[in-house]
N, C-alpha and C. Protein backbone atom coordinates (compact mmCIF):
# COMPACT_ATOMS: atom_id res chain seq x y z
N MET A 1 71.89 -127.95 38.92
CA MET A 1 72.80 -127.13 39.70
C MET A 1 72.19 -126.86 41.06
N PHE A 2 73.01 -127.01 42.08
CA PHE A 2 72.57 -126.77 43.45
C PHE A 2 73.22 -125.51 44.01
N ILE A 3 72.44 -124.77 44.82
CA ILE A 3 73.00 -123.68 45.61
C ILE A 3 72.65 -123.92 47.07
N GLY A 4 73.47 -123.37 47.96
CA GLY A 4 73.22 -123.47 49.38
C GLY A 4 72.71 -122.14 49.91
N VAL A 5 71.84 -122.20 50.90
CA VAL A 5 71.31 -121.00 51.55
C VAL A 5 71.48 -121.16 53.05
N ILE A 6 72.07 -120.15 53.67
CA ILE A 6 72.36 -120.18 55.10
C ILE A 6 72.04 -118.81 55.69
N SER A 7 71.72 -118.77 56.96
CA SER A 7 71.41 -117.49 57.60
C SER A 7 71.69 -117.56 59.09
N ASP A 8 71.82 -116.39 59.67
CA ASP A 8 71.89 -116.22 61.12
C ASP A 8 72.94 -117.13 61.77
N THR A 9 74.17 -116.99 61.30
CA THR A 9 75.27 -117.76 61.88
C THR A 9 75.77 -117.13 63.18
N HIS A 10 75.66 -115.82 63.32
CA HIS A 10 76.00 -115.13 64.58
C HIS A 10 77.33 -115.61 65.18
N ASN A 11 78.34 -115.76 64.32
CA ASN A 11 79.69 -116.15 64.77
C ASN A 11 79.78 -117.58 65.31
N GLU A 12 78.83 -118.42 65.05
CA GLU A 12 78.86 -119.83 65.49
C GLU A 12 79.69 -120.62 64.49
N THR A 13 80.99 -120.75 64.77
CA THR A 13 81.91 -121.33 63.80
C THR A 13 81.76 -122.84 63.63
N GLU A 14 81.57 -123.59 64.70
CA GLU A 14 81.52 -125.05 64.58
C GLU A 14 80.32 -125.51 63.74
N LEU A 15 79.14 -124.99 64.04
CA LEU A 15 77.96 -125.38 63.25
C LEU A 15 78.06 -124.86 61.81
N THR A 16 78.68 -123.71 61.62
CA THR A 16 78.87 -123.20 60.26
C THR A 16 79.80 -124.12 59.48
N ARG A 17 80.85 -124.60 60.11
CA ARG A 17 81.74 -125.57 59.44
C ARG A 17 80.97 -126.84 59.05
N ARG A 18 80.10 -127.30 59.91
CA ARG A 18 79.28 -128.48 59.59
C ARG A 18 78.36 -128.18 58.40
N ALA A 19 77.78 -126.98 58.39
CA ALA A 19 76.92 -126.58 57.27
C ALA A 19 77.71 -126.55 55.96
N ILE A 20 78.93 -126.05 56.02
CA ILE A 20 79.77 -126.00 54.83
C ILE A 20 80.06 -127.41 54.33
N ARG A 21 80.30 -128.35 55.23
CA ARG A 21 80.51 -129.75 54.82
C ARG A 21 79.26 -130.31 54.13
N LEU A 22 78.09 -129.95 54.62
CA LEU A 22 76.85 -130.36 53.95
C LEU A 22 76.78 -129.79 52.54
N PHE A 23 77.10 -128.51 52.41
CA PHE A 23 77.09 -127.88 51.08
C PHE A 23 78.09 -128.58 50.15
N GLU A 24 79.26 -128.93 50.68
CA GLU A 24 80.26 -129.64 49.88
C GLU A 24 79.71 -130.99 49.41
N SER A 25 78.97 -131.68 50.26
CA SER A 25 78.45 -132.99 49.88
C SER A 25 77.42 -132.89 48.75
N PHE A 26 76.77 -131.75 48.62
CA PHE A 26 75.81 -131.52 47.53
C PHE A 26 76.50 -130.88 46.32
N GLU A 27 77.78 -130.57 46.46
CA GLU A 27 78.54 -129.90 45.40
C GLU A 27 77.86 -128.63 44.94
N VAL A 28 77.43 -127.80 45.91
CA VAL A 28 76.78 -126.54 45.55
C VAL A 28 77.75 -125.67 44.78
N GLU A 29 77.20 -124.90 43.86
CA GLU A 29 78.02 -124.03 43.04
C GLU A 29 78.05 -122.60 43.56
N ALA A 30 77.16 -122.28 44.48
CA ALA A 30 77.14 -120.95 45.10
C ALA A 30 76.44 -121.08 46.44
N ILE A 31 76.78 -120.14 47.33
CA ILE A 31 76.15 -120.09 48.65
C ILE A 31 75.65 -118.67 48.88
N LEU A 32 74.40 -118.57 49.34
CA LEU A 32 73.82 -117.29 49.72
C LEU A 32 73.75 -117.25 51.24
N HIS A 33 74.27 -116.18 51.84
CA HIS A 33 74.18 -116.00 53.29
C HIS A 33 73.24 -114.82 53.53
N CYS A 34 72.14 -115.08 54.22
CA CYS A 34 71.09 -114.08 54.41
C CYS A 34 71.27 -113.21 55.64
N GLY A 35 72.49 -113.01 56.09
CA GLY A 35 72.77 -112.01 57.11
C GLY A 35 72.82 -112.51 58.54
N ASP A 36 73.18 -111.57 59.44
CA ASP A 36 73.56 -111.85 60.82
C ASP A 36 74.69 -112.87 60.81
N VAL A 37 75.77 -112.43 60.19
CA VAL A 37 76.92 -113.27 59.87
C VAL A 37 77.88 -113.38 61.05
N GLY A 38 78.51 -112.26 61.41
CA GLY A 38 79.56 -112.25 62.43
C GLY A 38 80.94 -112.27 61.80
N ALA A 39 81.89 -111.61 62.40
CA ALA A 39 83.23 -111.41 61.83
C ALA A 39 84.02 -112.70 61.64
N LEU A 40 83.75 -113.74 62.43
CA LEU A 40 84.50 -114.99 62.32
C LEU A 40 84.05 -115.87 61.15
N ILE A 41 82.92 -115.55 60.56
CA ILE A 41 82.30 -116.45 59.58
C ILE A 41 82.79 -116.29 58.15
N PRO A 42 82.92 -115.10 57.58
CA PRO A 42 83.30 -115.00 56.16
C PRO A 42 84.53 -115.81 55.76
N PRO A 43 85.62 -115.82 56.55
CA PRO A 43 86.79 -116.61 56.12
C PRO A 43 86.53 -118.11 56.00
N LEU A 44 85.51 -118.63 56.67
CA LEU A 44 85.20 -120.06 56.59
C LEU A 44 84.74 -120.48 55.20
N PHE A 45 84.28 -119.51 54.40
CA PHE A 45 83.73 -119.80 53.07
C PHE A 45 84.78 -119.68 51.97
N SER A 46 86.03 -119.69 52.33
CA SER A 46 87.12 -119.60 51.35
C SER A 46 86.97 -120.69 50.29
N GLY A 47 87.11 -120.29 49.03
CA GLY A 47 87.01 -121.23 47.93
C GLY A 47 85.63 -121.37 47.33
N PHE A 48 84.62 -120.81 47.98
CA PHE A 48 83.25 -120.90 47.47
C PHE A 48 82.84 -119.60 46.78
N ASN A 49 81.95 -119.70 45.82
CA ASN A 49 81.24 -118.53 45.33
C ASN A 49 80.20 -118.23 46.40
N VAL A 50 80.44 -117.20 47.18
CA VAL A 50 79.56 -116.90 48.32
C VAL A 50 79.11 -115.45 48.24
N TYR A 51 77.84 -115.26 48.53
CA TYR A 51 77.22 -113.94 48.48
C TYR A 51 76.60 -113.65 49.85
N PHE A 52 76.95 -112.51 50.41
CA PHE A 52 76.46 -112.11 51.73
C PHE A 52 75.56 -110.88 51.61
N VAL A 53 74.57 -110.77 52.49
CA VAL A 53 73.87 -109.51 52.75
C VAL A 53 74.03 -109.21 54.23
N ARG A 54 73.99 -107.94 54.54
CA ARG A 54 74.08 -107.52 55.95
C ARG A 54 72.78 -107.84 56.67
N GLY A 55 72.92 -108.31 57.90
CA GLY A 55 71.78 -108.50 58.78
C GLY A 55 71.71 -107.36 59.79
N ASN A 56 70.68 -107.36 60.61
CA ASN A 56 70.50 -106.26 61.56
C ASN A 56 71.53 -106.27 62.69
N THR A 57 72.29 -107.35 62.87
CA THR A 57 73.35 -107.37 63.89
C THR A 57 74.75 -107.24 63.30
N ASP A 58 74.85 -107.14 61.97
CA ASP A 58 76.16 -107.07 61.32
C ASP A 58 76.71 -105.65 61.32
N HIS A 59 78.04 -105.57 61.33
CA HIS A 59 78.76 -104.30 61.28
C HIS A 59 79.74 -104.36 60.11
N SER A 60 80.18 -103.20 59.64
CA SER A 60 81.13 -103.16 58.51
C SER A 60 82.36 -104.01 58.78
N ALA A 61 82.87 -103.95 60.01
CA ALA A 61 84.07 -104.71 60.36
C ALA A 61 83.88 -106.22 60.22
N ASP A 62 82.64 -106.70 60.29
CA ASP A 62 82.38 -108.13 60.17
C ASP A 62 82.78 -108.66 58.79
N PHE A 63 82.85 -107.76 57.82
CA PHE A 63 83.14 -108.18 56.45
C PHE A 63 84.52 -107.72 55.98
N ALA A 64 85.37 -107.38 56.94
CA ALA A 64 86.72 -106.91 56.60
C ALA A 64 87.56 -108.02 55.98
N LYS A 65 87.24 -109.26 56.29
CA LYS A 65 88.02 -110.39 55.78
C LYS A 65 87.17 -111.30 54.90
N LEU A 66 86.66 -110.74 53.79
CA LEU A 66 85.96 -111.60 52.84
C LEU A 66 86.97 -112.60 52.29
N PRO A 67 86.56 -113.83 52.10
CA PRO A 67 87.53 -114.89 51.84
C PRO A 67 88.29 -114.81 50.52
N SER A 68 87.74 -114.21 49.48
CA SER A 68 88.43 -114.21 48.19
C SER A 68 87.66 -113.34 47.21
N GLU A 69 88.17 -113.33 45.99
CA GLU A 69 87.46 -112.62 44.93
C GLU A 69 86.14 -113.31 44.59
N LYS A 70 85.93 -114.51 45.10
CA LYS A 70 84.68 -115.23 44.88
C LYS A 70 83.59 -114.80 45.86
N ALA A 71 83.91 -113.89 46.79
CA ALA A 71 82.96 -113.45 47.80
C ALA A 71 82.44 -112.06 47.44
N THR A 72 81.12 -111.88 47.59
CA THR A 72 80.48 -110.59 47.29
C THR A 72 79.60 -110.20 48.45
N LEU A 73 79.66 -108.93 48.82
CA LEU A 73 78.79 -108.39 49.87
C LEU A 73 77.80 -107.42 49.26
N PHE A 74 76.52 -107.65 49.53
CA PHE A 74 75.46 -106.72 49.16
C PHE A 74 74.99 -106.04 50.45
N GLU A 75 74.63 -104.78 50.37
CA GLU A 75 74.23 -104.06 51.57
C GLU A 75 72.89 -104.56 52.11
N GLU A 76 71.81 -104.36 51.38
CA GLU A 76 70.48 -104.72 51.89
C GLU A 76 69.85 -105.89 51.14
N VAL A 77 69.93 -105.83 49.81
CA VAL A 77 69.30 -106.86 48.99
C VAL A 77 70.30 -107.32 47.94
N GLY A 78 70.52 -108.62 47.90
CA GLY A 78 71.34 -109.19 46.84
C GLY A 78 70.43 -109.58 45.69
N LYS A 79 70.88 -109.30 44.48
CA LYS A 79 70.11 -109.64 43.28
C LYS A 79 71.04 -110.33 42.32
N LEU A 80 70.71 -111.58 41.98
CA LEU A 80 71.58 -112.41 41.15
C LEU A 80 70.76 -113.14 40.10
N GLU A 81 71.44 -113.55 39.04
CA GLU A 81 70.87 -114.52 38.13
C GLU A 81 71.85 -115.68 38.08
N ILE A 82 71.37 -116.85 38.48
CA ILE A 82 72.19 -118.06 38.50
C ILE A 82 71.43 -119.14 37.75
N ALA A 83 72.09 -119.75 36.79
CA ALA A 83 71.48 -120.83 35.98
C ALA A 83 70.14 -120.40 35.40
N GLY A 84 70.05 -119.13 34.99
CA GLY A 84 68.83 -118.62 34.38
C GLY A 84 67.72 -118.28 35.35
N LYS A 85 67.97 -118.40 36.64
CA LYS A 85 66.96 -118.10 37.67
C LYS A 85 67.26 -116.76 38.31
N LYS A 86 66.24 -115.95 38.44
CA LYS A 86 66.38 -114.65 39.09
C LYS A 86 66.16 -114.84 40.59
N ILE A 87 67.18 -114.46 41.36
CA ILE A 87 67.16 -114.69 42.80
C ILE A 87 67.44 -113.39 43.53
N ALA A 88 66.62 -113.09 44.52
CA ALA A 88 66.86 -111.97 45.43
C ALA A 88 67.03 -112.56 46.82
N PHE A 89 67.89 -111.93 47.63
CA PHE A 89 68.02 -112.38 49.01
C PHE A 89 68.32 -111.18 49.89
N LEU A 90 67.81 -111.26 51.11
CA LEU A 90 67.93 -110.19 52.09
C LEU A 90 67.85 -110.80 53.47
N HIS A 91 68.10 -109.97 54.48
CA HIS A 91 68.05 -110.54 55.83
C HIS A 91 66.61 -110.84 56.23
N GLY A 92 65.70 -109.94 55.97
CA GLY A 92 64.30 -110.21 56.27
C GLY A 92 63.75 -109.43 57.44
N ASP A 93 64.57 -108.58 58.08
CA ASP A 93 64.06 -107.79 59.20
C ASP A 93 63.20 -106.63 58.72
N ASP A 94 63.31 -106.25 57.46
CA ASP A 94 62.44 -105.24 56.86
C ASP A 94 61.31 -106.00 56.16
N PHE A 95 60.23 -106.24 56.91
CA PHE A 95 59.14 -107.08 56.40
C PHE A 95 58.47 -106.48 55.17
N GLU A 96 58.41 -105.16 55.10
CA GLU A 96 57.79 -104.51 53.94
C GLU A 96 58.60 -104.80 52.68
N LYS A 97 59.93 -104.66 52.78
CA LYS A 97 60.80 -104.94 51.63
C LYS A 97 60.71 -106.42 51.24
N LEU A 98 60.68 -107.30 52.23
CA LEU A 98 60.54 -108.74 51.96
C LEU A 98 59.23 -109.02 51.24
N ASN A 99 58.14 -108.49 51.75
CA ASN A 99 56.84 -108.72 51.13
C ASN A 99 56.76 -108.13 49.73
N ASP A 100 57.39 -106.98 49.52
CA ASP A 100 57.41 -106.37 48.18
C ASP A 100 58.15 -107.26 47.19
N LEU A 101 59.29 -107.80 47.59
CA LEU A 101 60.05 -108.67 46.69
C LEU A 101 59.27 -109.93 46.36
N VAL A 102 58.73 -110.57 47.38
CA VAL A 102 57.98 -111.82 47.15
C VAL A 102 56.73 -111.55 46.32
N GLY A 103 56.03 -110.47 46.62
CA GLY A 103 54.77 -110.17 45.94
C GLY A 103 54.92 -109.60 44.54
N SER A 104 56.12 -109.17 44.18
CA SER A 104 56.32 -108.54 42.87
C SER A 104 56.20 -109.52 41.71
N ASN A 105 56.38 -110.80 41.98
CA ASN A 105 56.35 -111.84 40.95
C ASN A 105 57.47 -111.65 39.92
N ASN A 106 58.53 -110.90 40.31
CA ASN A 106 59.67 -110.66 39.43
C ASN A 106 60.82 -111.64 39.68
N TRP A 107 60.69 -112.46 40.71
CA TRP A 107 61.79 -113.32 41.13
C TRP A 107 61.37 -114.78 41.11
N ASP A 108 62.28 -115.62 40.72
CA ASP A 108 62.03 -117.06 40.82
C ASP A 108 62.14 -117.51 42.28
N MET A 109 63.06 -116.85 43.02
CA MET A 109 63.25 -117.21 44.42
C MET A 109 63.68 -115.97 45.20
N VAL A 110 63.11 -115.85 46.41
CA VAL A 110 63.52 -114.83 47.37
C VAL A 110 63.91 -115.57 48.65
N CYS A 111 65.16 -115.37 49.08
CA CYS A 111 65.66 -116.02 50.29
C CYS A 111 65.81 -114.98 51.39
N TYR A 112 65.54 -115.39 52.62
CA TYR A 112 65.63 -114.47 53.75
C TYR A 112 65.89 -115.27 55.02
N GLY A 113 66.23 -114.56 56.08
CA GLY A 113 66.47 -115.17 57.38
C GLY A 113 65.74 -114.39 58.45
N HIS A 114 66.46 -113.99 59.48
CA HIS A 114 66.04 -113.14 60.58
C HIS A 114 65.15 -113.84 61.61
N THR A 115 64.15 -114.57 61.20
CA THR A 115 63.17 -115.13 62.15
C THR A 115 63.69 -116.37 62.87
N HIS A 116 64.72 -117.00 62.32
CA HIS A 116 65.27 -118.26 62.84
C HIS A 116 64.29 -119.42 62.67
N HIS A 117 63.26 -119.23 61.84
CA HIS A 117 62.27 -120.28 61.57
C HIS A 117 62.33 -120.66 60.09
N ARG A 118 62.58 -121.92 59.83
CA ARG A 118 62.65 -122.38 58.44
C ARG A 118 61.27 -122.35 57.80
N SER A 119 61.28 -122.03 56.51
CA SER A 119 60.01 -121.93 55.80
C SER A 119 60.28 -122.02 54.30
N SER A 120 59.37 -122.66 53.60
CA SER A 120 59.45 -122.75 52.15
C SER A 120 58.03 -122.69 51.60
N ARG A 121 57.73 -121.61 50.88
CA ARG A 121 56.38 -121.44 50.33
C ARG A 121 56.49 -120.83 48.94
N VAL A 122 55.52 -121.14 48.10
CA VAL A 122 55.47 -120.57 46.76
C VAL A 122 54.31 -119.57 46.71
N TYR A 123 54.62 -118.37 46.21
CA TYR A 123 53.64 -117.31 46.02
C TYR A 123 53.70 -116.92 44.55
N GLY A 124 52.64 -117.25 43.80
CA GLY A 124 52.69 -117.02 42.36
C GLY A 124 53.80 -117.88 41.78
N LYS A 125 54.78 -117.23 41.13
CA LYS A 125 55.91 -117.99 40.57
C LYS A 125 57.14 -117.94 41.48
N THR A 126 57.03 -117.31 42.65
CA THR A 126 58.18 -117.06 43.51
C THR A 126 58.25 -118.02 44.69
N LEU A 127 59.38 -118.69 44.80
CA LEU A 127 59.67 -119.51 45.97
C LEU A 127 60.24 -118.59 47.04
N ALA A 128 59.58 -118.48 48.18
CA ALA A 128 60.08 -117.72 49.33
C ALA A 128 60.67 -118.72 50.30
N LEU A 129 61.98 -118.56 50.57
CA LEU A 129 62.70 -119.58 51.33
C LEU A 129 63.47 -118.96 52.48
N ASN A 130 63.19 -119.48 53.68
CA ASN A 130 63.98 -119.16 54.85
C ASN A 130 64.62 -120.47 55.29
N PRO A 131 65.97 -120.55 55.27
CA PRO A 131 66.62 -121.82 55.60
C PRO A 131 66.65 -122.13 57.09
N GLY A 132 66.13 -121.23 57.91
CA GLY A 132 66.26 -121.37 59.35
C GLY A 132 67.55 -120.70 59.79
N ALA A 133 68.04 -121.04 60.94
CA ALA A 133 69.22 -120.38 61.50
C ALA A 133 70.25 -121.42 61.92
N ILE A 134 71.50 -121.01 61.89
CA ILE A 134 72.58 -121.85 62.41
C ILE A 134 72.70 -121.63 63.92
N SER A 135 72.67 -120.39 64.35
CA SER A 135 72.87 -120.05 65.76
C SER A 135 71.54 -119.67 66.40
N ARG A 136 71.48 -119.85 67.71
CA ARG A 136 70.29 -119.47 68.47
C ARG A 136 69.03 -120.16 67.96
N SER A 137 69.19 -121.44 67.64
CA SER A 137 68.09 -122.24 67.13
C SER A 137 68.12 -123.60 67.81
N VAL A 138 66.97 -124.11 68.15
CA VAL A 138 66.89 -125.45 68.74
C VAL A 138 67.27 -126.50 67.70
N ARG A 139 66.91 -126.24 66.44
CA ARG A 139 67.19 -127.16 65.36
C ARG A 139 67.89 -126.40 64.22
N PRO A 140 69.21 -126.19 64.33
CA PRO A 140 69.94 -125.45 63.30
C PRO A 140 69.74 -126.09 61.93
N SER A 141 69.61 -125.25 60.90
CA SER A 141 69.36 -125.79 59.56
C SER A 141 69.87 -124.85 58.47
N VAL A 142 70.03 -125.44 57.29
CA VAL A 142 70.37 -124.73 56.06
C VAL A 142 69.45 -125.28 54.97
N ALA A 143 69.55 -124.69 53.78
CA ALA A 143 68.79 -125.21 52.65
C ALA A 143 69.71 -125.42 51.46
N VAL A 144 69.37 -126.41 50.67
CA VAL A 144 70.00 -126.65 49.38
C VAL A 144 68.87 -126.61 48.36
N VAL A 145 69.08 -125.86 47.29
CA VAL A 145 68.05 -125.70 46.27
C VAL A 145 68.56 -126.22 44.94
N ASP A 146 67.77 -127.09 44.33
CA ASP A 146 68.04 -127.57 42.97
C ASP A 146 67.43 -126.52 42.03
N LEU A 147 68.27 -125.75 41.37
CA LEU A 147 67.76 -124.67 40.53
C LEU A 147 67.05 -125.16 39.28
N GLU A 148 67.32 -126.39 38.87
CA GLU A 148 66.62 -126.94 37.70
C GLU A 148 65.13 -127.14 38.01
N THR A 149 64.84 -127.67 39.18
CA THR A 149 63.46 -127.97 39.56
C THR A 149 62.87 -126.93 40.52
N MET A 150 63.74 -126.05 41.04
CA MET A 150 63.36 -125.08 42.08
C MET A 150 62.83 -125.78 43.32
N GLN A 151 63.38 -126.95 43.59
CA GLN A 151 62.99 -127.73 44.76
C GLN A 151 63.98 -127.49 45.89
N PRO A 152 63.52 -126.91 47.02
CA PRO A 152 64.42 -126.73 48.16
C PRO A 152 64.39 -127.95 49.08
N THR A 153 65.52 -128.20 49.70
CA THR A 153 65.62 -129.20 50.75
C THR A 153 66.21 -128.53 51.97
N ILE A 154 65.45 -128.52 53.05
CA ILE A 154 65.95 -127.95 54.30
C ILE A 154 66.57 -129.08 55.11
N ILE A 155 67.80 -128.84 55.56
CA ILE A 155 68.58 -129.90 56.20
C ILE A 155 69.02 -129.43 57.59
N GLU A 156 68.77 -130.26 58.57
CA GLU A 156 69.25 -129.96 59.91
C GLU A 156 70.75 -130.13 59.98
N VAL A 157 71.40 -129.23 60.68
CA VAL A 157 72.85 -129.29 60.86
C VAL A 157 73.10 -129.87 62.23
N LEU A 158 73.62 -131.08 62.25
CA LEU A 158 73.82 -131.81 63.51
C LEU A 158 75.28 -131.81 63.91
């Protein structure tokens, strides 16, 4: 089973549409958005199981048009179990909270954004994954994770 991870779209609709096409090509079963979304972005995810967290630039009005009953908004930290894997995700601007989640060894994966720098590292049993950013990035990127192997693939969005 594959899931998609995206962050820091900042209302960049064209690159977000390209990212969604990438997710479709992998047949992802869920998408995690790690914040700094923008009001134009949630409707683009119509038809997907999509989970959002608020970023430091997001406002309540940005989430007024969640695409469907398949969309969920978490305030600061999303906590899910998908395919038997415990996953937490947050924007990442609260470095203490991020470090606490990663260091707790309670999660199979912790996803975050904010820095606009892609990163994939394992700490203990926890994969800490930043997919990079869609907007305000020289090399926009997303991640696809195979939950069976916990192997992430970071993909540039061209």
